[in-house]
Protein backbone atom coordinates (compact mmCIF):
# COMPACT_ATOMS: atom_id res chain seq x y z
CA MET A 1 -134.05 97.77 70.79
CA LEU A 2 -130.45 98.17 71.92
CA LEU A 3 -127.62 97.92 69.38
CA CYS A 4 -124.35 96.66 70.87
CA THR A 5 -121.26 96.99 68.66
CA ASP A 6 -117.88 95.33 69.22
CA VAL A 7 -115.18 96.80 66.95
CA GLY A 8 -112.22 94.44 66.79
CA ASN A 9 -109.10 94.59 64.67
CA THR A 10 -110.46 92.01 62.22
CA ASN A 11 -114.25 92.12 62.49
CA ILE A 12 -117.07 94.33 63.76
CA LYS A 13 -119.81 92.41 65.54
CA PHE A 14 -123.30 93.81 66.10
CA ALA A 15 -126.03 92.43 68.34
CA LEU A 16 -129.57 93.69 68.78
CA TYR A 17 -131.25 93.18 72.15
CA ASP A 18 -134.81 93.47 73.34
CA GLY A 19 -134.26 93.73 77.08
CA ASN A 20 -131.92 90.87 77.96
CA THR A 21 -132.83 88.82 74.88
CA GLN A 22 -130.50 88.81 71.89
CA LEU A 23 -132.58 89.07 68.73
CA VAL A 24 -129.95 88.94 66.01
CA LYS A 25 -126.16 89.00 65.61
CA LEU A 26 -124.37 90.43 62.56
CA ARG A 27 -120.76 90.78 61.43
CA ILE A 28 -118.79 92.87 58.94
CA SER A 29 -115.05 93.21 58.35
CA THR A 30 -113.12 96.03 60.02
CA ASP A 31 -111.78 98.58 57.55
CA PRO A 32 -110.23 101.76 59.03
CA GLY A 33 -110.32 103.35 55.56
CA LYS A 34 -114.11 103.41 55.28
CA THR A 35 -116.03 106.68 55.58
CA GLU A 36 -119.16 107.14 57.68
CA ASP A 37 -121.25 107.00 54.50
CA GLU A 38 -119.70 103.69 53.49
CA PHE A 39 -120.33 102.26 56.95
CA ALA A 40 -123.90 103.59 56.81
CA VAL A 41 -124.59 101.89 53.48
CA GLU A 42 -123.11 98.61 54.71
CA LEU A 43 -125.00 98.78 58.00
CA TYR A 44 -128.28 99.70 56.32
CA THR A 45 -127.85 96.83 53.86
CA ILE A 46 -127.19 94.13 56.45
CA PHE A 47 -130.11 95.41 58.52
CA GLN A 48 -132.36 95.14 55.47
CA ILE A 49 -131.11 91.66 54.58
CA ASN A 50 -131.78 90.45 58.13
CA GLY A 51 -135.18 92.11 58.46
CA VAL A 52 -134.09 94.66 61.07
CA ASP A 53 -136.10 97.89 61.32
CA ALA A 54 -133.39 100.41 62.23
CA LYS A 55 -135.99 102.93 63.39
CA LYS A 56 -136.87 100.62 66.28
CA ILE A 57 -133.36 101.00 67.68
CA ASP A 58 -133.54 103.33 70.69
CA GLY A 59 -130.12 102.75 72.23
CA SER A 60 -126.57 102.10 71.02
CA ILE A 61 -123.23 101.34 72.67
CA ILE A 62 -119.82 100.76 71.07
CA SER A 63 -116.64 99.08 72.28
CA SER A 64 -113.75 99.76 69.92
CA VAL A 65 -110.06 98.88 69.82
CA VAL A 66 -109.67 100.62 66.43
CA PRO A 67 -109.88 104.41 67.07
CA LYS A 68 -110.01 105.30 63.34
CA VAL A 69 -113.24 103.33 63.01
CA THR A 70 -115.01 104.55 66.15
CA GLU A 71 -116.19 107.99 64.99
CA PRO A 72 -117.25 107.15 61.40
CA LEU A 73 -119.08 104.05 62.63
CA SER A 74 -120.80 106.04 65.38
CA GLN A 75 -121.92 108.60 62.80
CA ALA A 76 -123.09 105.80 60.49
CA ILE A 77 -125.23 104.32 63.27
CA TRP A 78 -126.74 107.78 63.87
CA LYS A 79 -127.52 108.17 60.14
CA VAL A 80 -129.18 104.78 59.92
CA SER A 81 -131.06 104.74 63.25
CA GLY A 82 -131.17 108.34 64.49
CA VAL A 83 -129.57 107.21 67.77
CA LYS A 84 -126.38 108.60 69.31
CA SER A 85 -123.97 105.90 70.49
CA LEU A 86 -122.43 105.62 73.93
CA VAL A 87 -118.73 104.85 73.38
CA LEU A 88 -117.20 102.73 76.13
CA GLY A 89 -114.23 104.52 77.66
CA PRO A 90 -113.19 106.74 80.59
CA GLY A 91 -116.21 108.30 82.28
CA VAL A 92 -118.58 105.47 81.39
CA LYS A 93 -119.77 103.49 84.42
CA SER A 94 -118.91 99.81 84.17
CA GLY A 95 -119.17 98.69 87.80
CA LEU A 96 -115.83 96.88 87.36
CA ASN A 97 -113.10 97.47 89.93
CA LEU A 98 -109.74 97.72 88.13
CA ARG A 99 -106.75 96.68 90.23
CA ILE A 100 -104.03 97.54 87.71
CA ASP A 101 -101.33 100.21 87.41
CA ASN A 102 -103.15 102.49 84.96
CA PRO A 103 -106.87 101.76 84.42
CA LEU A 104 -107.00 104.28 81.54
CA THR A 105 -104.87 101.96 79.39
CA LEU A 106 -107.24 99.00 79.61
CA GLY A 107 -108.97 98.15 76.34
CA SER A 108 -112.73 98.60 76.24
CA ASP A 109 -113.13 95.05 74.92
CA LEU A 110 -111.52 93.65 78.07
CA VAL A 111 -113.71 95.86 80.24
CA ALA A 112 -116.89 94.64 78.52
CA MET A 113 -115.71 91.03 78.60
CA CYS A 114 -115.00 91.10 82.33
CA VAL A 115 -118.24 92.95 83.16
CA ALA A 116 -120.10 90.05 81.54
CA VAL A 117 -118.08 87.51 83.53
CA LYS A 118 -118.74 89.46 86.73
CA GLU A 119 -122.51 89.29 86.14
CA MET A 120 -122.76 85.77 84.70
CA TYR A 121 -120.15 83.55 86.40
CA THR A 122 -118.61 82.78 89.77
CA CYS A 123 -115.14 84.08 90.60
CA PRO A 124 -112.17 83.79 90.92
CA ALA A 125 -112.11 83.41 87.18
CA ILE A 126 -109.73 83.32 84.25
CA VAL A 127 -111.03 84.91 81.05
CA VAL A 128 -109.45 83.98 77.70
CA GLY A 129 -110.03 86.19 74.66
CA LEU A 130 -109.04 84.55 71.37
CA GLY A 131 -109.02 87.46 68.96
CA THR A 132 -106.30 89.25 67.02
CA ALA A 133 -104.37 89.00 70.27
CA THR A 134 -104.88 86.21 72.79
CA THR A 135 -105.61 87.77 76.18
CA ILE A 136 -105.67 85.78 79.42
CA VAL A 137 -106.90 87.82 82.39
CA TYR A 138 -107.60 87.13 86.05
CA MET A 139 -110.55 88.22 88.18
CA ASN A 140 -110.32 87.67 91.94
CA GLU A 141 -112.97 86.47 94.40
CA GLN A 142 -114.26 90.06 94.74
CA LYS A 143 -114.78 90.04 90.95
CA SER A 144 -112.13 92.73 90.43
CA TYR A 145 -110.00 92.84 87.29
CA CYS A 146 -106.45 92.07 88.41
CA GLY A 147 -104.45 92.02 85.17
CA GLY A 148 -103.18 89.21 83.00
CA ALA A 149 -101.12 88.43 79.92
CA ILE A 150 -101.23 89.26 76.20
CA ILE A 151 -99.98 86.78 73.60
CA PRO A 152 -99.82 87.12 69.79
CA GLY A 153 -103.11 85.83 68.45
CA VAL A 154 -103.59 82.67 66.41
CA SER A 155 -103.97 84.52 63.09
CA ILE A 156 -100.99 86.80 63.81
CA SER A 157 -98.82 83.79 64.62
CA LEU A 158 -99.90 81.97 61.47
CA ASP A 159 -99.35 85.02 59.26
CA ALA A 160 -95.90 85.66 60.76
CA LEU A 161 -94.93 82.04 60.19
CA THR A 162 -96.10 81.74 56.59
CA ASN A 163 -94.98 85.24 55.56
CA SER A 164 -91.50 84.78 57.00
CA GLY A 165 -90.97 81.22 55.76
CA ALA A 166 -90.63 81.25 51.97
CA LEU A 167 -91.49 77.57 51.62
CA LEU A 168 -94.33 77.50 54.18
CA PRO A 169 -97.82 77.60 52.65
CA SER A 170 -100.81 79.59 53.84
CA ILE A 171 -103.43 77.26 55.32
CA ASP A 172 -106.86 77.26 56.88
CA LEU A 173 -107.10 76.70 60.61
CA LYS A 174 -108.83 73.39 61.14
CA PRO A 175 -107.49 71.00 63.81
CA PRO A 176 -105.51 68.05 62.47
CA LYS A 177 -106.42 64.51 63.54
CA GLN A 178 -103.16 64.03 65.44
CA VAL A 179 -100.37 66.04 67.03
CA VAL A 180 -97.52 64.34 65.16
CA CYS A 181 -98.23 65.09 61.50
CA THR A 182 -96.55 63.94 58.30
CA ASN A 183 -96.93 66.86 55.89
CA THR A 184 -96.15 70.55 56.11
CA GLU A 185 -99.73 71.86 56.14
CA GLU A 186 -100.84 69.51 58.92
CA CYS A 187 -97.64 70.20 60.89
CA ILE A 188 -98.45 73.93 60.86
CA ARG A 189 -102.04 73.24 61.91
CA SER A 190 -100.80 71.05 64.75
CA GLY A 191 -98.38 73.69 65.96
CA ILE A 192 -100.90 76.54 65.81
CA ILE A 193 -103.99 74.75 67.18
CA PHE A 194 -102.46 72.34 69.68
CA GLY A 195 -99.64 74.74 70.54
CA THR A 196 -102.12 77.49 71.43
CA ALA A 197 -104.19 75.01 73.45
CA CYS A 198 -101.08 73.97 75.37
CA THR A 199 -100.21 77.64 75.96
CA ILE A 200 -103.65 78.29 77.44
CA ASP A 201 -103.48 75.16 79.60
CA GLY A 202 -100.01 76.11 80.79
CA MET A 203 -101.00 79.69 81.59
CA ILE A 204 -104.05 78.50 83.55
CA ASP A 205 -101.73 76.27 85.60
CA ARG A 206 -99.35 79.18 86.21
CA TYR A 207 -102.19 81.52 87.20
CA GLU A 208 -103.50 78.99 89.71
CA GLU A 209 -100.00 78.45 91.13
CA GLU A 210 -99.70 82.22 91.64
CA LYS A 211 -103.27 83.18 92.59
CA GLY A 212 -104.90 79.98 93.81
CA LYS A 213 -107.60 77.74 92.38
CA VAL A 214 -110.22 79.46 90.19
CA ASP A 215 -113.93 78.65 90.01
CA THR A 216 -114.41 79.47 86.34
CA VAL A 217 -112.43 79.57 83.12
CA VAL A 218 -114.35 81.11 80.21
CA ALA A 219 -113.18 81.74 76.65
CA THR A 220 -114.52 83.91 73.85
CA GLY A 221 -113.54 84.74 70.28
CA GLY A 222 -113.98 83.39 66.78
CA LEU A 223 -111.40 80.62 67.16
CA ALA A 224 -112.37 79.65 70.71
CA GLN A 225 -114.23 76.47 69.70
CA ASP A 226 -111.34 74.80 67.86
CA ILE A 227 -108.74 75.84 70.43
CA VAL A 228 -110.69 75.15 73.63
CA ASN A 229 -111.85 71.73 72.40
CA ASN A 230 -108.18 70.75 72.48
CA CYS A 231 -107.44 72.12 75.96
CA LYS A 232 -107.21 69.81 78.97
CA HIS A 233 -108.88 72.23 81.40
CA ASP A 234 -112.64 72.61 81.71
CA ILE A 235 -113.29 75.86 79.84
CA ILE A 236 -116.68 77.44 79.12
CA ILE A 237 -117.09 78.92 75.63
CA ASN A 238 -119.17 82.10 75.36
CA ASP A 239 -118.74 83.89 72.04
CA ASP A 240 -120.96 86.79 73.15
CA LEU A 241 -119.06 87.93 76.26
CA ILE A 242 -118.19 91.39 74.91
CA LEU A 243 -121.67 91.99 73.48
CA GLU A 244 -123.31 90.86 76.74
CA GLY A 245 -120.96 93.11 78.70
CA LEU A 246 -121.91 96.05 76.50
CA ARG A 247 -125.60 95.39 77.15
CA ILE A 248 -124.99 95.36 80.90
CA ILE A 249 -122.86 98.54 80.80
CA TYR A 250 -125.43 100.39 78.69
CA ASN A 251 -128.13 99.63 81.24
CA LYS A 252 -125.90 100.97 84.02
CA ASN A 253 -125.54 104.26 82.12
CA LYS A 254 -128.98 104.54 80.53
CA SER A 255 -130.28 107.23 82.87
C-alpha cells in the first residue's frame, strides 16, 4: 500500500492506495508543536481505529506547506510503518512544466494539485484551491503551470473580520438562504460564502479575458462544496486532487 500525506496549515490528510484505488482517507489537525513520538502515537491510533495494518504500507510520499511538521511526521511514519517517506520538493520528478519566474518557490501542494489535473482533466484549465489560502492557478493547453493568484482563505477572512470587529460574533460557515440578510450572523455568512463565490466567478472571467476560454475549472479543499455550489460557472469539485497528485508523483519516482 502507498501512504500519501498532505500537510496543510490547518489539517493533515492521509490516503492509502492499493495501485490506483483509494482504500481509506484519514485526517488529523496540524500542530507544529508535536514531536515525532506524538505524531507516531496519533498515526498508530487512527490506523488501528480504521483497521489499517501499517506493516502493509510499502511506500510513502509527503507534500507539506508546514516545514516544522515535515520531519517529525516523516519520522513518525517510519516508526509506525518502517517506510521512509519521499518528500515532494526540488529534485523530485513531477512531470509538470513550470512556466513561472522561480519554480523553487512553488508550494508542493500546488505541484501535486496540478499534476493531478494534468493527468485527469483536459486543459487549458483553472484550478481553485480552497484551503487556508484560496489559490486560483492557470494551466495552458500544453498542461504547463503558468501561475495564478493567491487570496486570503475563507477561514482567514472570517477570523480577521470577527477578531477585529468587537461586536461581530464568531459563526459557523453554512450558506444562508439569501444574499440580503437581516441579522448580523447571516450577513457575515452571506458576505463570506457568496462573496468568495463571486470572487472566484470574477477571477475565472478575468483569466479567460487574459488567456482565452478554458476547458476545465476544478476546485478542491474542505470548503469547496459550499462555495462552488454558489458559483455561476461550471466547476468540478475534486477534494482529493493533492492526494491523487501525490500518488501519480510517487509512481514517477518509485524506481
